[in-house]
Amino acid sequence: MDIRWAKDAVREEDASVVGFNVGVNIGEAAGQTIFHCHIHLIPRRRGDVENPRGGMRHLIPGKGNY
């Protein structure tokens, strides 16, 4: 399975998904706790956050404005 397959599968199942964020943590300082390849594919919908600028940094309310 690759990320393109996963993206297509999500969009087939849920037409409200219009974008994605992709995240990878590499190294302990970046938050990686288990040292293997692990990719986050985060489906996004219009209006899921007030202002999507900044991508994943602002997905958790109150955590991204730094």
N, C-alpha and C. Protein backbone atom coordinates (compact mmCIF):
# COMPACT_ATOMS: atom_id res chain seq x y z
N MET A 1 0.85 -1.18 0.00
CA MET A 1 0.00 0.00 0.00
C MET A 1 0.90 1.24 0.00
N ASP A 2 0.53 2.23 -0.78
CA ASP A 2 1.26 3.49 -0.74
C ASP A 2 0.29 4.62 -0.41
N ILE A 3 0.83 5.78 -0.20
CA ILE A 3 0.02 6.91 0.25
C ILE A 3 -1.02 7.33 -0.80
N ARG A 4 -0.69 7.15 -2.07
CA ARG A 4 -1.67 7.49 -3.13
C ARG A 4 -2.87 6.56 -3.06
N TRP A 5 -2.63 5.28 -2.79
CA TRP A 5 -3.73 4.33 -2.66
C TRP A 5 -4.62 4.73 -1.49
N ALA A 6 -4.00 5.05 -0.36
CA ALA A 6 -4.76 5.43 0.83
C ALA A 6 -5.58 6.70 0.57
N LYS A 7 -4.98 7.69 -0.08
CA LYS A 7 -5.69 8.94 -0.41
C LYS A 7 -6.91 8.64 -1.28
N ASP A 8 -6.72 7.85 -2.31
CA ASP A 8 -7.84 7.52 -3.20
C ASP A 8 -8.93 6.74 -2.47
N ALA A 9 -8.55 5.82 -1.60
CA ALA A 9 -9.54 5.03 -0.85
C ALA A 9 -10.36 5.93 0.07
N VAL A 10 -9.71 6.88 0.73
CA VAL A 10 -10.44 7.80 1.62
C VAL A 10 -11.41 8.65 0.81
N ARG A 11 -10.96 9.19 -0.31
CA ARG A 11 -11.83 10.06 -1.11
C ARG A 11 -12.98 9.29 -1.74
N GLU A 12 -12.78 8.01 -2.07
CA GLU A 12 -13.87 7.18 -2.58
C GLU A 12 -14.95 6.99 -1.53
N GLU A 13 -14.54 6.84 -0.29
CA GLU A 13 -15.47 6.58 0.80
C GLU A 13 -16.16 7.85 1.30
N ASP A 14 -15.49 8.99 1.18
CA ASP A 14 -16.02 10.24 1.74
C ASP A 14 -15.74 11.40 0.79
N ALA A 15 -16.75 11.78 0.03
CA ALA A 15 -16.60 12.83 -0.97
C ALA A 15 -16.39 14.21 -0.35
N SER A 16 -16.63 14.37 0.95
CA SER A 16 -16.41 15.67 1.59
C SER A 16 -14.93 15.96 1.81
N VAL A 17 -14.08 14.95 1.66
CA VAL A 17 -12.64 15.14 1.81
C VAL A 17 -12.12 15.80 0.54
N VAL A 18 -11.57 17.02 0.69
CA VAL A 18 -11.10 17.77 -0.48
C VAL A 18 -9.60 18.05 -0.45
N GLY A 19 -8.94 17.61 0.61
CA GLY A 19 -7.49 17.80 0.72
C GLY A 19 -6.92 16.91 1.79
N PHE A 20 -5.59 16.91 1.89
CA PHE A 20 -4.90 16.09 2.88
C PHE A 20 -3.68 16.84 3.40
N ASN A 21 -3.32 16.54 4.64
CA ASN A 21 -2.02 16.90 5.17
C ASN A 21 -1.27 15.59 5.36
N VAL A 22 0.03 15.62 5.10
CA VAL A 22 0.89 14.46 5.29
C VAL A 22 1.94 14.83 6.31
N GLY A 23 2.10 14.00 7.34
CA GLY A 23 3.07 14.30 8.38
C GLY A 23 3.95 13.12 8.70
N VAL A 24 5.21 13.41 8.97
CA VAL A 24 6.18 12.39 9.37
C VAL A 24 7.03 12.98 10.49
N ASN A 25 7.15 12.27 11.59
CA ASN A 25 8.03 12.68 12.68
C ASN A 25 9.32 11.88 12.56
N ILE A 26 10.45 12.56 12.45
CA ILE A 26 11.74 11.89 12.30
C ILE A 26 12.65 12.35 13.42
N GLY A 27 12.92 11.47 14.36
CA GLY A 27 13.82 11.77 15.47
C GLY A 27 13.07 12.14 16.74
N GLU A 28 13.70 11.88 17.85
CA GLU A 28 13.09 12.12 19.16
C GLU A 28 12.70 13.58 19.34
N ALA A 29 13.54 14.51 18.90
CA ALA A 29 13.24 15.94 19.05
C ALA A 29 12.01 16.35 18.26
N ALA A 30 11.65 15.59 17.25
CA ALA A 30 10.47 15.87 16.43
C ALA A 30 9.24 15.14 16.93
N GLY A 31 9.39 14.38 18.01
CA GLY A 31 8.24 13.69 18.58
C GLY A 31 8.15 12.21 18.23
N GLN A 32 9.11 11.68 17.52
CA GLN A 32 9.08 10.26 17.18
C GLN A 32 9.41 9.46 18.43
N THR A 33 8.56 8.49 18.76
CA THR A 33 8.77 7.67 19.95
C THR A 33 9.08 6.22 19.60
N ILE A 34 8.62 5.76 18.45
CA ILE A 34 8.92 4.41 17.97
C ILE A 34 9.65 4.59 16.65
N PHE A 35 10.87 4.09 16.56
CA PHE A 35 11.73 4.41 15.43
C PHE A 35 11.52 3.46 14.26
N HIS A 36 10.49 3.79 13.47
CA HIS A 36 10.15 3.09 12.24
C HIS A 36 9.48 4.11 11.32
N CYS A 37 9.26 3.75 10.08
CA CYS A 37 8.58 4.65 9.15
C CYS A 37 7.09 4.69 9.48
N HIS A 38 6.60 5.87 9.73
CA HIS A 38 5.20 6.05 10.12
C HIS A 38 4.73 7.36 9.49
N ILE A 39 3.75 7.28 8.62
CA ILE A 39 3.26 8.46 7.89
C ILE A 39 1.82 8.73 8.28
N HIS A 40 1.54 9.96 8.63
CA HIS A 40 0.18 10.38 8.96
C HIS A 40 -0.45 10.99 7.71
N LEU A 41 -1.59 10.47 7.30
CA LEU A 41 -2.37 11.03 6.20
C LEU A 41 -3.66 11.55 6.81
N ILE A 42 -3.78 12.87 6.86
CA ILE A 42 -4.90 13.49 7.57
C ILE A 42 -5.87 14.09 6.56
N PRO A 43 -7.07 13.51 6.45
CA PRO A 43 -8.06 14.05 5.52
C PRO A 43 -8.56 15.41 5.99
N ARG A 44 -8.78 16.32 5.04
CA ARG A 44 -9.24 17.67 5.36
C ARG A 44 -10.52 17.98 4.59
N ARG A 45 -11.39 18.71 5.23
CA ARG A 45 -12.66 19.14 4.63
C ARG A 45 -12.74 20.66 4.71
N ARG A 46 -13.43 21.27 3.78
CA ARG A 46 -13.62 22.71 3.83
C ARG A 46 -14.29 23.08 5.15
N GLY A 47 -13.74 24.05 5.85
CA GLY A 47 -14.33 24.52 7.09
C GLY A 47 -14.02 23.67 8.32
N ASP A 48 -13.13 22.67 8.19
CA ASP A 48 -12.84 21.83 9.36
C ASP A 48 -12.08 22.60 10.45
N VAL A 49 -11.41 23.67 10.06
CA VAL A 49 -10.83 24.63 11.01
C VAL A 49 -11.11 26.02 10.47
N GLU A 50 -11.09 27.00 11.34
CA GLU A 50 -11.42 28.36 10.92
C GLU A 50 -10.49 28.87 9.83
N ASN A 51 -9.19 28.65 9.99
CA ASN A 51 -8.21 29.12 9.02
C ASN A 51 -7.18 28.01 8.80
N PRO A 52 -7.22 27.33 7.64
CA PRO A 52 -6.33 26.20 7.42
C PRO A 52 -4.87 26.57 7.13
N ARG A 53 -4.57 27.86 7.02
CA ARG A 53 -3.19 28.27 6.74
C ARG A 53 -2.25 27.75 7.83
N GLY A 54 -1.15 27.19 7.42
CA GLY A 54 -0.21 26.60 8.36
C GLY A 54 -0.34 25.09 8.45
N GLY A 55 -1.33 24.55 7.78
CA GLY A 55 -1.46 23.10 7.70
C GLY A 55 -1.69 22.41 9.03
N MET A 56 -0.93 21.35 9.27
CA MET A 56 -1.14 20.51 10.44
C MET A 56 -0.88 21.22 11.75
N ARG A 57 -0.05 22.25 11.74
CA ARG A 57 0.28 22.93 12.99
C ARG A 57 -0.95 23.49 13.69
N HIS A 58 -2.02 23.69 12.95
CA HIS A 58 -3.21 24.34 13.52
C HIS A 58 -4.42 23.41 13.60
N LEU A 59 -4.24 22.11 13.47
CA LEU A 59 -5.37 21.19 13.51
C LEU A 59 -5.96 21.03 14.91
N ILE A 60 -5.14 21.13 15.94
CA ILE A 60 -5.62 20.99 17.30
C ILE A 60 -5.87 22.40 17.84
N PRO A 61 -7.14 22.74 18.10
CA PRO A 61 -7.47 24.10 18.55
C PRO A 61 -6.62 24.53 19.74
N GLY A 62 -6.09 25.75 19.66
CA GLY A 62 -5.30 26.31 20.73
C GLY A 62 -3.85 25.86 20.78
N LYS A 63 -3.44 24.98 19.87
CA LYS A 63 -2.07 24.45 19.92
C LYS A 63 -1.16 25.03 18.85
N GLY A 64 -1.70 25.64 17.80
CA GLY A 64 -0.87 25.98 16.65
C GLY A 64 -0.35 27.39 16.55
N ASN A 65 -0.84 28.30 17.32
CA ASN A 65 -0.42 29.70 17.16
C ASN A 65 0.83 29.97 17.98
N TYR A 66 1.97 29.63 17.40
CA TYR A 66 3.24 29.85 18.09
C TYR A 66 4.21 30.54 17.18
